[in-house]
Amino acid sequence: MKTYFKLYKKLVVALLLLSGIAFTSCENNEDLNIAPETTVSDKDIFKTPARIEGLVNGIYKAFKGASLYGGRFLLYQDQRGEDFINITANNFTGYESWNNSYSSGSNDINNLWGSAYSAINNANILIEGLAINQGVITEEKAKQYIGEAKLVRALSYYSLIISYGQPYNKDAGASKGVPLRLKAETGAANNNLARSSVAEIYKQILKDLDEAEAALPQSYATADLNTTRAHVSTAIALKTRVYLTMNNWTKVIEEAVKLAPQAQAPFSTTASDVKHTLQPDITVLFSSNYATVESIFSIPMSSLDSYTGQSSIAYIYNTNLEYYLNPTGILGDAQWRTTDKRRDLTRTVSGKQYFKKYAKPSPFLDYIPVIRYSEVLLNYAEAAAKTGNLALSANLLKAVHQRSDASYAFAPTVLSDPNQLIDAILKERRIELLGEGFRGPDLLRNLQTLPAKGDSKLQTPAVTPSDANYIFPPANTELATNKLY
């Protein structure tokens, strides 16, 4: 397979243990009680519950890669839109994504590809290993671990397909996507694998998420674990995102109603152990409490396990100030008033507005949001509007917006017209989810042009859906090792 899979079995399993124990097997990332083991062979790796738990943690650790959900993937996706202006033209901090100038040799392209497939392979190793080595842990615990692995695999493939594949809505997924690797790989024997179609990738993503929902626990013992490890709500919430990407409005609603069964505010969850609802003050989510019930899934950071310098999204946005908020982007839209609490997640430097949703100083301990309850409500709102339930859609939109700007009133004409309502929802996504990796995917799923943007120093032209750089190019590491790509 790729160069990052060219490992002997003993090395693979040892590295999985070493990486896994540093993630989040308990609430305090700095207080783990699984001792490092550096000489465990592949035949012994599934022989004790502690070693298996180390493998589970290794899946999350791989998913936390700096170029994946450690933060930079969010950066790559947001910079494709028009809401940030680049200052430094630094290729190591996402400029090529902002400029839509990636090549197959770009570091970002290869690092994202490698991180996603490493997370996928770690998941595959655990799934296969638990099937072979039964009885070491309880059947219920094995079921849970496999559910966690499938959720991480699903979200890793989703991240790949929205980046390197044509939008599903272009041709109902008929285009070629990426290689679908579902077997554990510990060597280079199976490098050559043709790409599956975009539709086949989505089918597998949804299969994994359905199976994860059936296998995962309702909750964990602490709020931190409910935020940093997958549970039932995590799988459901992510399905609303995937179905939204496919314009499958009926299925978005079917999943969303599991988490938001009420027809009006506060839209809190009643059917699951974790009672998801909107945190009254959004700034709390990005400053003092990363484990509220709004944060359905986040990537934790600790002083022993965080990213520094250009690997950190907080460094790029808030410490080194490499991007400022475009005054003619969503920042300047009348829907985002200056009295909106979400303005507190920006700051002014030399007359420009900068983004400080990730505001912790070095060592950058901000948790990275993967999915929040507010996104689920906005996914639900869009699907409701698309299927004609304008009253429900308007209630969902208002719940999210008025959480941060209670006195704001949408014009009656906006709430009663489907097109205007959907436009308001898409704007709300840009305000609410700013810097969380949604602008690029939202443009692509709607087959919209990537807008031109810039200032007097740096500009980038628009990119249409028919342009080659509308999607990311394949990674050189894959092209060099997979003759069937």
Protein backbone atom coordinates (compact mmCIF):
# COMPACT_ATOMS: atom_id res chain seq x y z
CA MET A 1 0.00 0.00 0.00
CA LYS A 2 1.17 3.56 0.49
CA THR A 3 4.49 4.32 2.13
CA TYR A 4 2.77 4.89 5.47
CA PHE A 5 1.50 1.28 5.39
CA LYS A 6 4.90 -0.27 4.63
CA LEU A 7 5.37 -1.64 8.12
CA TYR A 8 6.02 -5.06 9.53
CA LYS A 9 3.31 -6.43 11.79
CA LYS A 10 5.36 -6.12 14.97
CA LEU A 11 6.13 -2.50 14.26
CA VAL A 12 2.52 -1.72 13.46
CA VAL A 13 1.12 -3.10 16.67
CA ALA A 14 3.84 -1.56 18.83
CA LEU A 15 3.24 1.85 17.32
CA LEU A 16 -0.50 1.48 17.78
CA LEU A 17 0.00 0.88 21.46
CA LEU A 18 2.41 3.74 21.87
CA SER A 19 0.19 6.20 20.03
CA GLY A 20 -3.03 4.93 21.51
CA ILE A 21 -2.23 5.23 25.19
CA ALA A 22 -1.63 8.96 24.81
CA PHE A 23 -5.11 9.83 23.66
CA THR A 24 -8.18 9.54 25.83
CA SER A 25 -8.95 6.30 27.59
CA CYS A 26 -9.98 8.24 30.69
CA GLU A 27 -11.23 11.69 31.49
CA ASN A 28 -7.85 13.21 32.31
CA ASN A 29 -5.51 12.75 29.35
CA GLU A 30 -2.51 13.29 31.62
CA ASP A 31 -3.45 10.55 34.07
CA LEU A 32 -3.46 7.36 32.07
CA ASN A 33 -2.69 4.10 33.79
CA ILE A 34 -1.78 1.85 30.87
CA ALA A 35 1.97 1.35 30.90
CA PRO A 36 3.83 1.70 27.58
CA GLU A 37 4.78 -1.56 25.94
CA THR A 38 7.36 -1.40 23.17
CA THR A 39 8.08 -5.05 22.38
CA VAL A 40 4.66 -6.61 21.95
CA SER A 41 4.47 -8.92 18.95
CA ASP A 42 1.53 -9.11 16.60
CA LYS A 43 0.47 -12.50 17.98
CA ASP A 44 0.19 -11.07 21.49
CA ILE A 45 -1.37 -7.70 20.79
CA PHE A 46 -4.92 -8.89 21.42
CA LYS A 47 -4.05 -11.03 24.46
CA THR A 48 -5.00 -8.57 27.23
CA PRO A 49 -7.80 -6.05 27.71
CA ALA A 50 -5.28 -3.26 28.35
CA ARG A 51 -3.52 -3.89 25.04
CA ILE A 52 -6.81 -3.93 23.17
CA GLU A 53 -7.81 -0.67 24.82
CA GLY A 54 -4.48 0.73 23.68
CA LEU A 55 -5.42 -0.17 20.11
CA VAL A 56 -8.77 1.58 20.49
CA ASN A 57 -7.03 4.69 21.74
CA GLY A 58 -4.65 4.36 18.81
CA ILE A 59 -7.58 4.72 16.41
CA TYR A 60 -8.56 8.02 17.99
CA LYS A 61 -4.92 9.11 18.07
CA ALA A 62 -4.58 8.52 14.34
CA PHE A 63 -7.84 10.38 13.74
CA LYS A 64 -6.34 13.23 15.75
CA GLY A 65 -3.50 13.66 13.24
CA ALA A 66 -2.55 17.31 12.74
CA SER A 67 -3.62 17.17 9.10
CA LEU A 68 -6.93 15.50 9.90
CA TYR A 69 -9.10 16.32 12.93
CA GLY A 70 -6.21 17.65 14.97
CA GLY A 71 -7.31 20.87 13.30
CA ARG A 72 -5.74 21.48 9.91
CA PHE A 73 -8.43 19.62 7.95
CA LEU A 74 -10.90 22.21 9.20
CA LEU A 75 -8.56 24.93 7.99
CA TYR A 76 -8.20 23.41 4.50
CA GLN A 77 -11.95 23.24 4.04
CA ASP A 78 -12.78 26.73 5.32
CA GLN A 79 -10.09 28.40 3.24
CA ARG A 80 -11.79 27.25 0.05
CA GLY A 81 -14.56 29.72 0.79
CA GLU A 82 -14.59 33.51 0.90
CA ASP A 83 -14.75 34.32 4.59
CA PHE A 84 -11.01 34.45 5.29
CA ILE A 85 -8.28 36.51 3.62
CA ASN A 86 -4.75 35.16 3.61
CA ILE A 87 -1.87 37.42 4.61
CA THR A 88 1.32 35.34 4.53
CA ALA A 89 1.10 33.19 1.36
CA ASN A 90 2.68 30.44 3.47
CA ASN A 91 2.14 27.02 1.89
CA PHE A 92 2.68 25.39 5.29
CA THR A 93 -0.38 27.10 6.77
CA GLY A 94 -3.03 26.41 4.14
CA TYR A 95 -2.29 29.02 1.49
CA GLU A 96 -2.57 26.50 -1.36
CA SER A 97 -6.07 25.62 -0.20
CA TRP A 98 -7.04 29.31 0.04
CA ASN A 99 -5.54 29.85 -3.43
CA ASN A 100 -6.97 26.60 -4.89
CA SER A 101 -3.49 25.76 -6.18
CA TYR A 102 -2.84 22.32 -4.73
CA SER A 103 -0.83 19.77 -6.74
CA SER A 104 -0.39 16.06 -6.10
CA GLY A 105 2.96 16.86 -4.51
CA SER A 106 1.62 19.41 -2.02
CA ASN A 107 2.37 18.61 1.60
CA ASP A 108 -1.23 19.20 2.66
CA ILE A 109 -2.54 16.81 0.02
CA ASN A 110 -0.20 13.99 0.99
CA ASN A 111 -0.47 14.55 4.74
CA LEU A 112 -4.28 14.60 4.71
CA TRP A 113 -4.42 11.50 2.53
CA GLY A 114 -1.92 9.68 4.73
CA SER A 115 -3.60 10.66 8.00
CA ALA A 116 -7.05 9.55 6.85
CA TYR A 117 -5.88 6.19 5.52
CA SER A 118 -3.79 5.58 8.64
CA ALA A 119 -6.89 6.10 10.78
CA ILE A 120 -8.82 3.78 8.47
CA ASN A 121 -6.17 1.09 8.65
CA ASN A 122 -5.96 1.31 12.43
CA ALA A 123 -9.72 0.79 12.53
CA ASN A 124 -9.46 -2.18 10.15
CA ILE A 125 -6.74 -3.80 12.29
CA LEU A 126 -8.92 -3.57 15.39
CA ILE A 127 -12.07 -4.84 13.66
CA GLU A 128 -10.28 -7.88 12.21
CA GLY A 129 -8.28 -8.57 15.35
CA LEU A 130 -11.30 -8.61 17.63
CA ALA A 131 -13.10 -11.00 15.28
CA ILE A 132 -10.18 -13.43 15.52
CA ASN A 133 -9.32 -13.00 19.20
CA GLN A 134 -12.63 -13.49 20.93
CA GLY A 135 -13.05 -13.97 24.66
CA VAL A 136 -10.28 -11.64 25.84
CA ILE A 137 -12.80 -8.91 26.54
CA THR A 138 -16.55 -9.22 26.98
CA GLU A 139 -18.74 -9.51 23.93
CA GLU A 140 -20.38 -6.21 24.84
CA LYS A 141 -17.05 -4.41 25.11
CA ALA A 142 -15.86 -5.88 21.79
CA LYS A 143 -19.09 -4.70 20.17
CA GLN A 144 -18.51 -1.19 21.51
CA TYR A 145 -14.90 -1.06 20.33
CA ILE A 146 -15.88 -2.22 16.85
CA GLY A 147 -18.58 0.46 16.80
CA GLU A 148 -16.01 3.10 17.69
CA ALA A 149 -13.69 1.82 14.95
CA LYS A 150 -16.45 1.90 12.36
CA LEU A 151 -17.42 5.44 13.27
CA VAL A 152 -13.84 6.66 12.91
CA ARG A 153 -13.50 4.76 9.63
CA ALA A 154 -16.72 6.29 8.33
CA LEU A 155 -15.74 9.84 9.19
CA SER A 156 -12.24 9.34 7.76
CA TYR A 157 -13.74 8.16 4.46
CA TYR A 158 -16.19 11.04 4.51
CA SER A 159 -13.27 13.45 4.92
CA LEU A 160 -11.49 11.83 1.99
CA ILE A 161 -14.44 11.73 -0.38
CA ILE A 162 -15.52 15.35 0.14
CA SER A 163 -11.92 16.40 -0.51
CA TYR A 164 -10.69 14.14 -3.32
CA GLY A 165 -13.96 13.01 -4.92
CA GLN A 166 -16.46 14.82 -7.09
CA PRO A 167 -19.57 15.99 -5.18
CA TYR A 168 -22.16 13.25 -4.86
CA ASN A 169 -24.79 15.63 -6.22
CA LYS A 170 -22.92 16.12 -9.50
CA ASP A 171 -23.95 12.73 -10.89
CA ALA A 172 -25.50 10.78 -7.99
CA GLY A 173 -22.07 9.47 -7.08
CA ALA A 174 -21.20 7.88 -10.43
CA SER A 175 -17.74 9.51 -10.57
CA LYS A 176 -14.66 7.67 -9.41
CA GLY A 177 -13.85 8.32 -5.78
CA VAL A 178 -11.00 6.89 -3.72
CA PRO A 179 -9.77 3.35 -3.00
CA LEU A 180 -12.07 1.62 -0.52
CA ARG A 181 -9.77 -0.28 1.83
CA LEU A 182 -11.63 -2.42 4.34
CA LYS A 183 -8.93 -4.97 5.18
CA ALA A 184 -6.17 -4.61 7.75
CA GLU A 185 -2.88 -3.92 5.98
CA THR A 186 0.50 -4.45 7.59
CA GLY A 187 2.59 -4.56 4.42
CA ALA A 188 2.68 -3.52 0.79
CA ALA A 189 1.06 -6.62 -0.73
CA ASN A 190 -2.27 -4.96 -1.48
CA ASN A 191 -1.07 -1.59 -2.71
CA ASN A 192 -2.86 -1.85 -6.03
CA LEU A 193 -6.56 -1.15 -5.66
CA ALA A 194 -8.85 0.62 -8.11
CA ARG A 195 -10.96 3.51 -6.95
CA SER A 196 -14.52 2.83 -5.89
CA SER A 197 -17.24 5.17 -7.09
CA VAL A 198 -18.30 8.11 -4.96
CA ALA A 199 -21.64 6.34 -4.41
CA GLU A 200 -19.90 3.19 -3.19
CA ILE A 201 -17.87 5.21 -0.69
CA TYR A 202 -21.02 6.87 0.67
CA LYS A 203 -22.77 3.51 0.89
CA GLN A 204 -19.93 2.18 3.04
CA ILE A 205 -19.87 5.32 5.19
CA LEU A 206 -23.56 4.97 5.96
CA LYS A 207 -23.26 1.22 6.55
CA ASP A 208 -20.51 1.87 9.09
CA LEU A 209 -22.51 4.60 10.82
CA ASP A 210 -25.67 2.47 10.99
CA GLU A 211 -23.67 -0.39 12.49
CA ALA A 212 -21.90 1.99 14.86
CA GLU A 213 -25.23 3.35 16.09
CA ALA A 214 -26.36 -0.20 16.90
CA ALA A 215 -23.11 -1.07 18.69
CA LEU A 216 -22.10 2.05 20.59
CA PRO A 217 -23.06 2.81 24.19
CA GLN A 218 -25.68 5.42 25.01
CA SER A 219 -23.19 7.29 27.17
CA TYR A 220 -19.99 7.08 29.23
CA ALA A 221 -19.27 7.80 32.88
CA THR A 222 -18.14 11.41 32.44
CA ALA A 223 -18.98 14.46 30.36
CA ASP A 224 -15.46 14.49 28.92
CA LEU A 225 -15.77 10.94 27.64
CA ASN A 226 -19.21 11.73 26.23
CA THR A 227 -17.48 14.44 24.20
CA THR A 228 -14.30 12.65 23.16
CA ARG A 229 -15.46 9.08 22.51
CA ALA A 230 -18.15 7.94 20.11
CA HIS A 231 -21.56 7.03 21.47
CA VAL A 232 -24.99 6.51 19.89
CA SER A 233 -25.68 10.21 19.39
CA THR A 234 -22.35 10.66 17.61
CA ALA A 235 -23.32 8.20 14.89
CA ILE A 236 -26.80 9.69 14.50
CA ALA A 237 -25.50 13.25 14.31
CA LEU A 238 -22.90 12.36 11.69
CA LYS A 239 -25.54 10.65 9.57
CA THR A 240 -27.43 13.95 9.36
CA ARG A 241 -24.26 15.48 7.91
CA VAL A 242 -23.67 12.68 5.42
CA TYR A 243 -27.27 12.60 4.18
CA LEU A 244 -27.25 16.40 3.88
CA THR A 245 -24.18 16.12 1.64
CA MET A 246 -26.16 13.74 -0.57
CA ASN A 247 -29.31 15.95 -0.68
CA ASN A 248 -31.23 13.10 0.91
CA TRP A 249 -33.57 15.36 2.86
CA THR A 250 -35.90 12.61 4.05
CA LYS A 251 -33.06 10.69 5.67
CA VAL A 252 -31.63 13.85 7.26
CA ILE A 253 -35.00 14.37 8.94
CA GLU A 254 -35.30 10.72 9.91
CA GLU A 255 -31.98 10.88 11.76
CA ALA A 256 -32.32 14.41 13.13
CA VAL A 257 -35.67 13.73 14.76
CA LYS A 258 -33.93 11.13 16.95
CA LEU A 259 -31.90 13.96 18.48
CA ALA A 260 -34.40 16.80 18.17
CA PRO A 261 -37.85 15.21 18.62
CA GLN A 262 -39.63 18.43 19.57
CA ALA A 263 -41.12 20.75 16.96
CA GLN A 264 -40.04 23.94 18.68
CA ALA A 265 -37.34 25.35 20.96
CA PRO A 266 -35.42 24.34 22.99
CA PHE A 267 -35.10 21.24 20.74
CA SER A 268 -33.36 19.29 23.49
CA THR A 269 -32.79 15.56 23.15
CA THR A 270 -35.03 13.32 25.22
CA ALA A 271 -34.54 9.88 23.71
CA SER A 272 -30.87 9.25 24.58
CA ASP A 273 -28.85 9.20 27.80
CA VAL A 274 -26.90 12.28 26.73
CA LYS A 275 -29.42 15.12 26.72
CA HIS A 276 -28.10 17.28 23.89
CA THR A 277 -29.15 20.89 23.80
CA LEU A 278 -27.70 24.27 22.87
CA GLN A 279 -25.37 25.75 25.46
CA PRO A 280 -26.86 29.16 26.37
CA ASP A 281 -23.57 30.97 25.78
CA ILE A 282 -21.63 29.78 22.72
CA THR A 283 -18.36 31.28 23.98
CA VAL A 284 -18.34 28.73 26.81
CA LEU A 285 -17.83 25.97 24.22
CA PHE A 286 -14.59 27.54 23.07
CA SER A 287 -13.16 28.79 26.34
CA SER A 288 -14.14 27.29 29.67
CA ASN A 289 -16.03 24.03 29.06
CA TYR A 290 -15.31 21.81 26.08
CA ALA A 291 -17.59 19.03 27.34
CA THR A 292 -21.07 20.51 27.40
CA VAL A 293 -23.92 18.47 25.96
CA GLU A 294 -23.80 20.63 22.81
CA SER A 295 -20.40 19.19 21.90
CA ILE A 296 -21.38 15.81 20.52
CA PHE A 297 -17.85 14.87 19.41
CA SER A 298 -14.61 16.79 19.87
CA ILE A 299 -10.90 16.05 19.73
CA PRO A 300 -9.21 16.69 23.08
CA MET A 301 -5.86 18.30 23.68
CA SER A 302 -3.70 18.11 26.79
CA SER A 303 -0.31 19.46 27.85
CA LEU A 304 1.09 16.00 27.05
CA ASP A 305 -0.66 15.62 23.72
CA SER A 306 -1.22 18.76 21.65
CA TYR A 307 0.12 20.43 18.53
CA THR A 308 2.45 23.39 18.38
CA GLY A 309 3.52 25.91 15.75
CA GLN A 310 2.23 25.51 12.22
CA SER A 311 0.61 22.17 13.09
CA SER A 312 -1.86 24.01 15.32
CA ILE A 313 -4.99 25.67 13.95
CA ALA A 314 -4.94 28.03 16.95
CA TYR A 315 -1.43 29.17 16.05
CA ILE A 316 -2.37 29.84 12.43
CA TYR A 317 -5.57 31.77 13.14
CA ASN A 318 -5.04 33.49 16.46
CA THR A 319 -1.35 33.54 17.42
CA ASN A 320 0.39 34.17 14.12
CA LEU A 321 -2.62 35.93 12.52
CA GLU A 322 -2.17 34.41 9.07
CA TYR A 323 -5.79 35.04 8.02
CA TYR A 324 -8.21 37.84 8.78
CA LEU A 325 -11.96 37.81 8.35
CA ASN A 326 -13.10 39.12 5.00
CA PRO A 327 -15.10 42.33 5.64
CA THR A 328 -17.20 41.59 2.54
CA GLY A 329 -17.76 37.96 3.55
CA ILE A 330 -20.13 36.70 6.22
CA LEU A 331 -18.58 39.17 8.67
CA GLY A 332 -20.22 42.01 6.74
CA ASP A 333 -23.62 40.37 6.33
CA ALA A 334 -26.60 41.99 8.06
CA GLN A 335 -27.60 38.59 9.51
CA TRP A 336 -24.49 38.75 11.75
CA ARG A 337 -25.04 41.84 13.84
CA THR A 338 -22.39 43.43 16.01
CA THR A 339 -24.50 42.59 19.08
CA ASP A 340 -24.32 38.87 18.29
CA LYS A 341 -22.44 36.94 20.99
CA ARG A 342 -20.53 35.10 18.27
CA ARG A 343 -18.71 38.38 17.57
CA ASP A 344 -16.88 37.69 20.85
CA LEU A 345 -15.11 34.89 18.98
CA THR A 346 -13.31 37.50 16.88
CA ARG A 347 -10.87 40.26 17.81
CA THR A 348 -9.59 43.44 16.21
CA VAL A 349 -5.91 43.98 15.42
CA SER A 350 -4.77 47.02 13.41
CA GLY A 351 -8.25 47.58 12.04
CA LYS A 352 -8.81 43.99 10.87
CA GLN A 353 -11.01 41.34 12.45
CA TYR A 354 -9.28 38.08 13.35
CA PHE A 355 -10.75 34.72 14.32
CA LYS A 356 -10.29 33.53 17.90
CA LYS A 357 -12.61 30.56 18.28
CA TYR A 358 -9.40 28.67 19.10
CA ALA A 359 -7.90 31.16 21.53
CA LYS A 360 -5.75 29.23 23.98
CA PRO A 361 -2.06 30.27 23.95
CA SER A 362 0.70 27.72 23.42
CA PRO A 363 0.56 24.75 24.06
CA PHE A 364 -2.85 25.25 22.33
CA LEU A 365 -5.19 23.14 24.44
CA ASP A 366 -8.42 24.04 22.62
CA TYR A 367 -10.53 20.97 21.86
CA ILE A 368 -11.23 20.67 18.14
CA PRO A 369 -14.97 20.39 17.36
CA VAL A 370 -16.00 17.57 15.04
CA ILE A 371 -19.77 17.88 15.38
CA ARG A 372 -21.97 20.06 17.59
CA TYR A 373 -25.68 19.99 18.29
CA SER A 374 -26.11 23.35 16.56
CA GLU A 375 -24.97 21.76 13.30
CA VAL A 376 -27.55 19.00 13.69
CA LEU A 377 -30.28 21.61 14.11
CA LEU A 378 -29.11 23.49 11.01
CA ASN A 379 -28.91 20.26 9.01
CA TYR A 380 -32.47 19.54 10.14
CA ALA A 381 -33.59 23.09 9.28
CA GLU A 382 -32.28 22.83 5.73
CA ALA A 383 -33.89 19.45 5.14
CA ALA A 384 -37.19 20.67 6.59
CA ALA A 385 -37.15 23.69 4.27
CA LYS A 386 -36.35 21.50 1.28
CA THR A 387 -39.33 19.26 2.05
CA GLY A 388 -41.79 22.10 2.58
CA ASN A 389 -42.02 22.24 6.36
CA LEU A 390 -41.19 25.94 6.59
CA ALA A 391 -42.55 26.43 10.10
CA LEU A 392 -40.30 23.75 11.57
CA SER A 393 -37.34 24.97 9.53
CA ALA A 394 -37.85 28.54 10.75
CA ASN A 395 -38.08 27.40 14.38
CA LEU A 396 -34.81 25.49 14.07
CA LEU A 397 -33.05 28.42 12.42
CA LYS A 398 -34.29 30.86 15.05
CA ALA A 399 -33.21 28.55 17.87
CA VAL A 400 -29.61 28.60 16.67
CA HIS A 401 -29.47 32.28 15.78
CA GLN A 402 -31.30 33.67 18.79
CA ARG A 403 -29.13 31.67 21.17
CA SER A 404 -26.45 34.27 20.38
CA ASP A 405 -28.60 37.26 19.33
CA ALA A 406 -31.89 37.00 21.18
CA SER A 407 -33.46 40.18 19.83
CA TYR A 408 -32.82 39.40 16.15
CA ALA A 409 -35.97 38.88 14.09
CA PHE A 410 -35.94 37.32 10.65
CA ALA A 411 -38.22 39.11 8.21
CA PRO A 412 -41.54 37.31 7.67
CA THR A 413 -40.82 37.16 3.95
CA VAL A 414 -37.59 35.26 4.69
CA LEU A 415 -39.34 32.67 6.85
CA SER A 416 -42.25 32.15 4.45
CA ASP A 417 -40.31 31.80 1.20
CA PRO A 418 -38.40 28.50 0.75
CA ASN A 419 -35.55 30.02 -1.25
CA GLN A 420 -35.01 32.92 1.12
CA LEU A 421 -35.26 30.62 4.12
CA ILE A 422 -32.64 28.23 2.73
CA ASP A 423 -30.39 31.17 1.93
CA ALA A 424 -30.72 32.35 5.55
CA ILE A 425 -29.87 28.85 6.80
CA LEU A 426 -26.75 28.71 4.64
CA LYS A 427 -25.69 32.11 5.99
CA GLU A 428 -26.34 30.88 9.51
CA ARG A 429 -24.02 27.94 8.89
CA ARG A 430 -21.29 30.38 7.89
CA ILE A 431 -21.80 32.36 11.12
CA GLU A 432 -22.37 29.52 13.57
CA LEU A 433 -19.83 27.04 12.15
CA LEU A 434 -17.18 29.54 11.08
CA GLY A 435 -13.71 27.99 11.30
CA GLU A 436 -15.06 24.47 11.86
CA GLY A 437 -14.47 23.24 8.32
CA PHE A 438 -17.85 23.67 6.60
CA ARG A 439 -17.66 26.41 3.99
CA GLY A 440 -15.84 24.41 1.29
CA PRO A 441 -18.03 21.29 1.67
CA ASP A 442 -21.20 23.42 1.65
CA LEU A 443 -20.17 25.06 -1.61
CA LEU A 444 -19.31 21.74 -3.23
CA ARG A 445 -22.44 19.85 -2.14
CA ASN A 446 -24.51 22.64 -3.68
CA LEU A 447 -22.36 22.61 -6.84
CA GLN A 448 -21.53 26.28 -6.36
CA THR A 449 -18.47 28.11 -7.62
CA LEU A 450 -15.62 28.59 -5.20
CA PRO A 451 -15.65 32.39 -5.01
CA ALA A 452 -12.87 34.77 -5.95
CA LYS A 453 -11.42 36.56 -2.94
CA GLY A 454 -8.50 38.62 -1.75
CA ASP A 455 -7.29 42.12 -1.04
CA SER A 456 -4.77 44.51 -2.58
CA LYS A 457 -1.90 42.14 -1.78
CA LEU A 458 -3.19 38.64 -2.51
CA GLN A 459 -6.04 37.47 -4.73
CA THR A 460 -7.34 34.16 -5.99
CA PRO A 461 -9.78 33.67 -8.89
CA ALA A 462 -13.08 31.84 -8.79
CA VAL A 463 -13.15 28.06 -9.43
CA THR A 464 -16.17 26.57 -11.17
CA PRO A 465 -17.49 23.02 -10.71
CA SER A 466 -16.06 22.06 -14.11
CA ASP A 467 -12.52 23.17 -13.24
CA ALA A 468 -9.92 20.52 -12.40
CA ASN A 469 -9.03 22.22 -9.10
CA TYR A 470 -12.63 22.15 -7.85
CA ILE A 471 -11.57 19.05 -5.89
CA PHE A 472 -8.20 18.14 -4.40
CA PRO A 473 -5.77 16.21 -6.63
CA PRO A 474 -4.76 12.67 -5.62
CA ALA A 475 -1.69 12.33 -3.42
CA ASN A 476 1.66 11.49 -4.97
CA THR A 477 2.17 8.86 -2.29
CA GLU A 478 -0.84 7.01 -3.70
CA LEU A 479 -0.01 7.51 -7.36
CA ALA A 480 3.52 6.19 -6.80
CA THR A 481 2.43 2.96 -5.10
CA ASN A 482 -1.02 2.12 -6.48
CA LYS A 483 -0.85 1.16 -10.14
CA LEU A 484 -4.63 0.82 -10.36
CA TYR A 485 -5.52 4.33 -9.16
